[in-house]
Amino acid sequence: MIWFFRVFFSIVLVSMLGVTSWASTQCALWALPGSVGSHPWFIATLFDTYWAFLTFYCWLAYKERSWLSRLGWLVGVLLLGNIAMAVYMLILLFCVPATARMEDILLRKA
């Protein structure tokens, strides 16, 4: 299972870096047309996305012991979203052997 998640989060990271790089060559983030930025589904999607980011962060904050680390990851997740989340997961997944149990990833070490 660890190998599957290593591959999965690698794909998430590479695809997010790719699509973000591509989008940044097409137009600047702040050049979003008003008609898009004020569209109800765009707003609903932003709310959904950021609540998902904060849900993931709640687990991350449980895992991390240092307040400085928690704060750094909060900023990273809120600014970079799935890129930061994939990096966090890959760090965790490569710190355990491929034979590790999911509990080793999901639960805080004593």
N, C-alpha and C. Protein backbone atom coordinates (compact mmCIF):
# COMPACT_ATOMS: atom_id res chain seq x y z
N MET A 1 0.82 -1.20 0.00
CA MET A 1 0.00 0.00 0.00
C MET A 1 0.87 1.26 0.00
N ILE A 2 1.99 1.22 0.69
CA ILE A 2 2.89 2.38 0.75
C ILE A 2 3.37 2.73 -0.65
N TRP A 3 3.74 1.72 -1.46
CA TRP A 3 4.21 1.99 -2.81
C TRP A 3 3.12 2.64 -3.65
N PHE A 4 1.88 2.16 -3.50
CA PHE A 4 0.77 2.75 -4.24
C PHE A 4 0.65 4.24 -3.90
N PHE A 5 0.70 4.58 -2.63
CA PHE A 5 0.57 5.98 -2.23
C PHE A 5 1.78 6.81 -2.65
N ARG A 6 2.95 6.22 -2.67
CA ARG A 6 4.12 6.95 -3.18
C ARG A 6 3.92 7.32 -4.64
N VAL A 7 3.44 6.37 -5.42
CA VAL A 7 3.18 6.62 -6.84
C VAL A 7 2.05 7.63 -6.99
N PHE A 8 0.97 7.44 -6.24
CA PHE A 8 -0.18 8.33 -6.33
C PHE A 8 0.20 9.77 -6.03
N PHE A 9 0.88 10.02 -4.91
CA PHE A 9 1.21 11.39 -4.55
C PHE A 9 2.31 11.96 -5.45
N SER A 10 3.13 11.13 -6.04
CA SER A 10 4.09 11.60 -7.06
C SER A 10 3.34 12.09 -8.29
N ILE A 11 2.31 11.35 -8.69
CA ILE A 11 1.49 11.77 -9.84
C ILE A 11 0.76 13.07 -9.52
N VAL A 12 0.22 13.17 -8.31
CA VAL A 12 -0.46 14.42 -7.90
C VAL A 12 0.52 15.58 -8.00
N LEU A 13 1.72 15.42 -7.43
CA LEU A 13 2.71 16.50 -7.43
C LEU A 13 3.12 16.89 -8.85
N VAL A 14 3.47 15.91 -9.66
CA VAL A 14 3.93 16.21 -11.02
C VAL A 14 2.81 16.84 -11.84
N SER A 15 1.59 16.31 -11.73
CA SER A 15 0.49 16.88 -12.51
C SER A 15 0.14 18.29 -12.06
N MET A 16 0.18 18.54 -10.75
CA MET A 16 -0.12 19.89 -10.26
C MET A 16 0.97 20.88 -10.67
N LEU A 17 2.22 20.46 -10.60
CA LEU A 17 3.30 21.33 -11.05
C LEU A 17 3.17 21.60 -12.55
N GLY A 18 2.81 20.57 -13.30
CA GLY A 18 2.65 20.72 -14.75
C GLY A 18 1.51 21.66 -15.11
N VAL A 19 0.34 21.43 -14.54
CA VAL A 19 -0.81 22.26 -14.90
C VAL A 19 -0.65 23.69 -14.37
N THR A 20 -0.01 23.83 -13.21
CA THR A 20 0.23 25.17 -12.67
C THR A 20 1.24 25.93 -13.54
N SER A 21 2.28 25.23 -13.97
CA SER A 21 3.27 25.86 -14.86
C SER A 21 2.63 26.25 -16.18
N TRP A 22 1.85 25.35 -16.75
CA TRP A 22 1.16 25.64 -18.01
C TRP A 22 0.24 26.84 -17.85
N ALA A 23 -0.58 26.85 -16.80
CA ALA A 23 -1.52 27.95 -16.59
C ALA A 23 -0.80 29.28 -16.43
N SER A 24 0.35 29.25 -15.74
CA SER A 24 1.08 30.51 -15.52
C SER A 24 1.68 31.05 -16.81
N THR A 25 1.89 30.20 -17.80
CA THR A 25 2.38 30.69 -19.09
C THR A 25 1.25 31.23 -19.96
N GLN A 26 0.01 30.89 -19.61
CA GLN A 26 -1.14 31.35 -20.38
C GLN A 26 -1.61 32.73 -19.94
N CYS A 27 -1.65 32.94 -18.62
CA CYS A 27 -2.04 34.25 -18.10
C CYS A 27 -1.69 34.30 -16.62
N ALA A 28 -1.57 35.51 -16.12
CA ALA A 28 -1.26 35.70 -14.71
C ALA A 28 -2.46 35.33 -13.85
N LEU A 29 -2.21 34.83 -12.67
CA LEU A 29 -3.28 34.44 -11.75
C LEU A 29 -4.22 35.61 -11.46
N TRP A 30 -3.66 36.80 -11.30
CA TRP A 30 -4.47 37.97 -10.96
C TRP A 30 -5.20 38.55 -12.18
N ALA A 31 -5.00 37.97 -13.35
CA ALA A 31 -5.68 38.44 -14.56
C ALA A 31 -6.99 37.68 -14.79
N LEU A 32 -7.53 37.11 -13.75
CA LEU A 32 -8.78 36.36 -13.83
C LEU A 32 -9.92 37.30 -14.21
N PRO A 33 -10.66 36.99 -15.26
CA PRO A 33 -11.77 37.86 -15.66
C PRO A 33 -12.83 37.96 -14.56
N GLY A 34 -13.40 39.13 -14.39
CA GLY A 34 -14.42 39.34 -13.37
C GLY A 34 -15.59 38.39 -13.50
N SER A 35 -15.94 38.05 -14.75
CA SER A 35 -17.08 37.15 -14.97
C SER A 35 -16.80 35.75 -14.41
N VAL A 36 -15.55 35.36 -14.39
CA VAL A 36 -15.19 34.05 -13.82
C VAL A 36 -15.11 34.16 -12.30
N GLY A 37 -14.41 35.16 -11.82
CA GLY A 37 -14.21 35.32 -10.38
C GLY A 37 -15.49 35.52 -9.60
N SER A 38 -16.52 36.04 -10.24
CA SER A 38 -17.78 36.27 -9.53
C SER A 38 -18.83 35.20 -9.84
N HIS A 39 -18.46 34.21 -10.63
CA HIS A 39 -19.40 33.14 -10.97
C HIS A 39 -19.69 32.30 -9.73
N PRO A 40 -20.96 32.00 -9.46
CA PRO A 40 -21.31 31.24 -8.25
C PRO A 40 -20.60 29.89 -8.14
N TRP A 41 -20.42 29.19 -9.26
CA TRP A 41 -19.75 27.89 -9.18
C TRP A 41 -18.26 28.04 -8.93
N PHE A 42 -17.66 29.11 -9.39
CA PHE A 42 -16.25 29.37 -9.09
C PHE A 42 -16.08 29.61 -7.59
N ILE A 43 -16.98 30.41 -7.02
CA ILE A 43 -16.94 30.70 -5.58
C ILE A 43 -17.18 29.43 -4.78
N ALA A 44 -18.17 28.63 -5.19
CA ALA A 44 -18.46 27.37 -4.49
C ALA A 44 -17.27 26.42 -4.56
N THR A 45 -16.60 26.37 -5.71
CA THR A 45 -15.43 25.50 -5.87
C THR A 45 -14.28 25.97 -4.99
N LEU A 46 -14.08 27.28 -4.88
CA LEU A 46 -13.04 27.79 -3.98
C LEU A 46 -13.32 27.43 -2.53
N PHE A 47 -14.56 27.59 -2.10
CA PHE A 47 -14.93 27.20 -0.73
C PHE A 47 -14.67 25.71 -0.51
N ASP A 48 -15.11 24.89 -1.46
CA ASP A 48 -14.92 23.45 -1.36
C ASP A 48 -13.44 23.09 -1.28
N THR A 49 -12.65 23.72 -2.11
CA THR A 49 -11.21 23.45 -2.16
C THR A 49 -10.53 23.84 -0.85
N TYR A 50 -10.81 25.03 -0.37
CA TYR A 50 -10.13 25.49 0.85
C TYR A 50 -10.61 24.76 2.10
N TRP A 51 -11.88 24.34 2.14
CA TRP A 51 -12.31 23.51 3.27
C TRP A 51 -11.61 22.15 3.22
N ALA A 52 -11.39 21.61 2.02
CA ALA A 52 -10.64 20.35 1.90
C ALA A 52 -9.19 20.56 2.35
N PHE A 53 -8.58 21.66 1.96
CA PHE A 53 -7.22 21.96 2.40
C PHE A 53 -7.15 22.02 3.93
N LEU A 54 -8.12 22.69 4.54
CA LEU A 54 -8.11 22.83 6.00
C LEU A 54 -8.42 21.50 6.70
N THR A 55 -9.23 20.67 6.07
CA THR A 55 -9.49 19.33 6.63
C THR A 55 -8.20 18.51 6.64
N PHE A 56 -7.46 18.52 5.53
CA PHE A 56 -6.17 17.84 5.47
C PHE A 56 -5.23 18.43 6.52
N TYR A 57 -5.24 19.76 6.63
CA TYR A 57 -4.36 20.42 7.58
C TYR A 57 -4.66 20.00 9.03
N CYS A 58 -5.91 19.76 9.37
CA CYS A 58 -6.24 19.30 10.73
C CYS A 58 -5.50 18.01 11.06
N TRP A 59 -5.47 17.09 10.11
CA TRP A 59 -4.72 15.85 10.32
C TRP A 59 -3.22 16.13 10.39
N LEU A 60 -2.73 16.99 9.52
CA LEU A 60 -1.32 17.35 9.50
C LEU A 60 -0.92 17.98 10.84
N ALA A 61 -1.76 18.85 11.37
CA ALA A 61 -1.47 19.51 12.66
C ALA A 61 -1.43 18.48 13.78
N TYR A 62 -2.26 17.45 13.70
CA TYR A 62 -2.23 16.36 14.66
C TYR A 62 -0.90 15.60 14.57
N LYS A 63 -0.42 15.37 13.36
CA LYS A 63 0.83 14.62 13.15
C LYS A 63 2.06 15.39 13.61
N GLU A 64 2.09 16.67 13.33
CA GLU A 64 3.26 17.49 13.63
C GLU A 64 3.26 17.92 15.09
N ARG A 65 4.42 17.90 15.70
CA ARG A 65 4.52 18.26 17.12
C ARG A 65 4.93 19.72 17.33
N SER A 66 5.66 20.27 16.41
CA SER A 66 6.18 21.63 16.54
C SER A 66 5.18 22.65 16.01
N TRP A 67 4.95 23.72 16.79
CA TRP A 67 4.06 24.79 16.33
C TRP A 67 4.64 25.51 15.11
N LEU A 68 5.96 25.61 15.04
CA LEU A 68 6.59 26.25 13.90
C LEU A 68 6.34 25.43 12.63
N SER A 69 6.49 24.12 12.74
CA SER A 69 6.22 23.24 11.62
C SER A 69 4.75 23.31 11.21
N ARG A 70 3.86 23.31 12.19
CA ARG A 70 2.43 23.41 11.90
C ARG A 70 2.12 24.70 11.16
N LEU A 71 2.70 25.80 11.62
CA LEU A 71 2.46 27.10 10.98
C LEU A 71 3.02 27.11 9.56
N GLY A 72 4.23 26.59 9.39
CA GLY A 72 4.84 26.55 8.05
C GLY A 72 4.01 25.74 7.07
N TRP A 73 3.54 24.58 7.53
CA TRP A 73 2.72 23.75 6.65
C TRP A 73 1.36 24.39 6.39
N LEU A 74 0.81 25.10 7.36
CA LEU A 74 -0.47 25.80 7.12
C LEU A 74 -0.31 26.82 6.00
N VAL A 75 0.74 27.61 6.07
CA VAL A 75 1.01 28.61 5.03
C VAL A 75 1.21 27.90 3.68
N GLY A 76 1.99 26.82 3.70
CA GLY A 76 2.24 26.07 2.47
C GLY A 76 0.97 25.51 1.86
N VAL A 77 0.13 24.90 2.68
CA VAL A 77 -1.11 24.31 2.18
C VAL A 77 -2.06 25.39 1.66
N LEU A 78 -2.17 26.50 2.38
CA LEU A 78 -3.08 27.55 1.94
C LEU A 78 -2.59 28.26 0.67
N LEU A 79 -1.27 28.37 0.50
CA LEU A 79 -0.74 29.04 -0.68
C LEU A 79 -0.53 28.11 -1.87
N LEU A 80 -0.13 26.87 -1.60
CA LEU A 80 0.22 25.95 -2.68
C LEU A 80 -0.75 24.79 -2.84
N GLY A 81 -1.66 24.63 -1.90
CA GLY A 81 -2.69 23.60 -2.01
C GLY A 81 -2.15 22.19 -2.16
N ASN A 82 -2.60 21.52 -3.21
CA ASN A 82 -2.23 20.12 -3.43
C ASN A 82 -0.75 19.90 -3.67
N ILE A 83 -0.05 20.91 -4.10
CA ILE A 83 1.40 20.79 -4.26
C ILE A 83 2.03 20.57 -2.89
N ALA A 84 1.70 21.41 -1.93
CA ALA A 84 2.24 21.27 -0.57
C ALA A 84 1.75 19.97 0.08
N MET A 85 0.50 19.62 -0.15
CA MET A 85 -0.05 18.40 0.44
C MET A 85 0.66 17.16 -0.11
N ALA A 86 0.94 17.14 -1.40
CA ALA A 86 1.64 16.01 -2.00
C ALA A 86 3.08 15.93 -1.48
N VAL A 87 3.73 17.08 -1.34
CA VAL A 87 5.10 17.09 -0.80
C VAL A 87 5.10 16.54 0.63
N TYR A 88 4.15 16.99 1.46
CA TYR A 88 4.06 16.50 2.83
C TYR A 88 3.89 14.99 2.86
N MET A 89 2.97 14.50 2.04
CA MET A 89 2.71 13.06 2.01
C MET A 89 3.92 12.28 1.51
N LEU A 90 4.60 12.79 0.50
CA LEU A 90 5.78 12.09 -0.02
C LEU A 90 6.90 12.05 1.03
N ILE A 91 7.07 13.12 1.78
CA ILE A 91 8.05 13.12 2.86
C ILE A 91 7.71 12.02 3.86
N LEU A 92 6.45 11.95 4.27
CA LEU A 92 6.03 10.90 5.21
C LEU A 92 6.22 9.51 4.62
N LEU A 93 5.81 9.33 3.36
CA LEU A 93 5.83 8.02 2.74
C LEU A 93 7.25 7.51 2.47
N PHE A 94 8.19 8.42 2.26
CA PHE A 94 9.57 7.98 2.03
C PHE A 94 10.37 7.89 3.33
N CYS A 95 9.76 8.24 4.45
CA CYS A 95 10.42 8.09 5.75
C CYS A 95 10.10 6.74 6.40
N VAL A 96 9.24 5.97 5.77
CA VAL A 96 8.90 4.65 6.30
C VAL A 96 9.28 3.59 5.26
N PRO A 97 9.54 2.37 5.70
CA PRO A 97 9.84 1.31 4.72
C PRO A 97 8.60 0.97 3.90
N ALA A 98 8.80 0.40 2.74
CA ALA A 98 7.69 0.04 1.85
C ALA A 98 6.77 -0.99 2.50
N THR A 99 7.25 -1.65 3.52
CA THR A 99 6.44 -2.66 4.21
C THR A 99 5.68 -2.09 5.41
N ALA A 100 5.76 -0.79 5.61
CA ALA A 100 5.10 -0.17 6.76
C ALA A 100 3.59 -0.32 6.67
N ARG A 101 2.96 -0.25 7.81
CA ARG A 101 1.50 -0.30 7.87
C ARG A 101 0.94 1.10 7.74
N MET A 102 -0.32 1.20 7.36
CA MET A 102 -0.95 2.51 7.21
C MET A 102 -0.98 3.26 8.53
N GLU A 103 -1.05 2.54 9.63
CA GLU A 103 -1.03 3.19 10.95
C GLU A 103 0.26 4.00 11.14
N ASP A 104 1.34 3.50 10.55
CA ASP A 104 2.63 4.20 10.67
C ASP A 104 2.59 5.56 9.98
N ILE A 105 1.74 5.69 9.00
CA ILE A 105 1.60 6.95 8.27
C ILE A 105 0.55 7.84 8.92
N LEU A 106 -0.58 7.25 9.26
CA LEU A 106 -1.73 8.04 9.69
C LEU A 106 -1.67 8.51 11.14
N LEU A 107 -1.04 7.74 12.01
CA LEU A 107 -1.06 8.06 13.44
C LEU A 107 0.22 8.76 13.88
N ARG A 108 0.09 9.61 14.87
CA ARG A 108 1.25 10.31 15.42
C ARG A 108 2.09 9.31 16.22
N LYS A 109 3.39 9.42 16.08
CA LYS A 109 4.28 8.57 16.87
C LYS A 109 4.35 9.12 18.29
N ALA A 110 4.42 8.21 19.23
CA ALA A 110 4.45 8.61 20.65
C ALA A 110 5.71 9.34 21.01
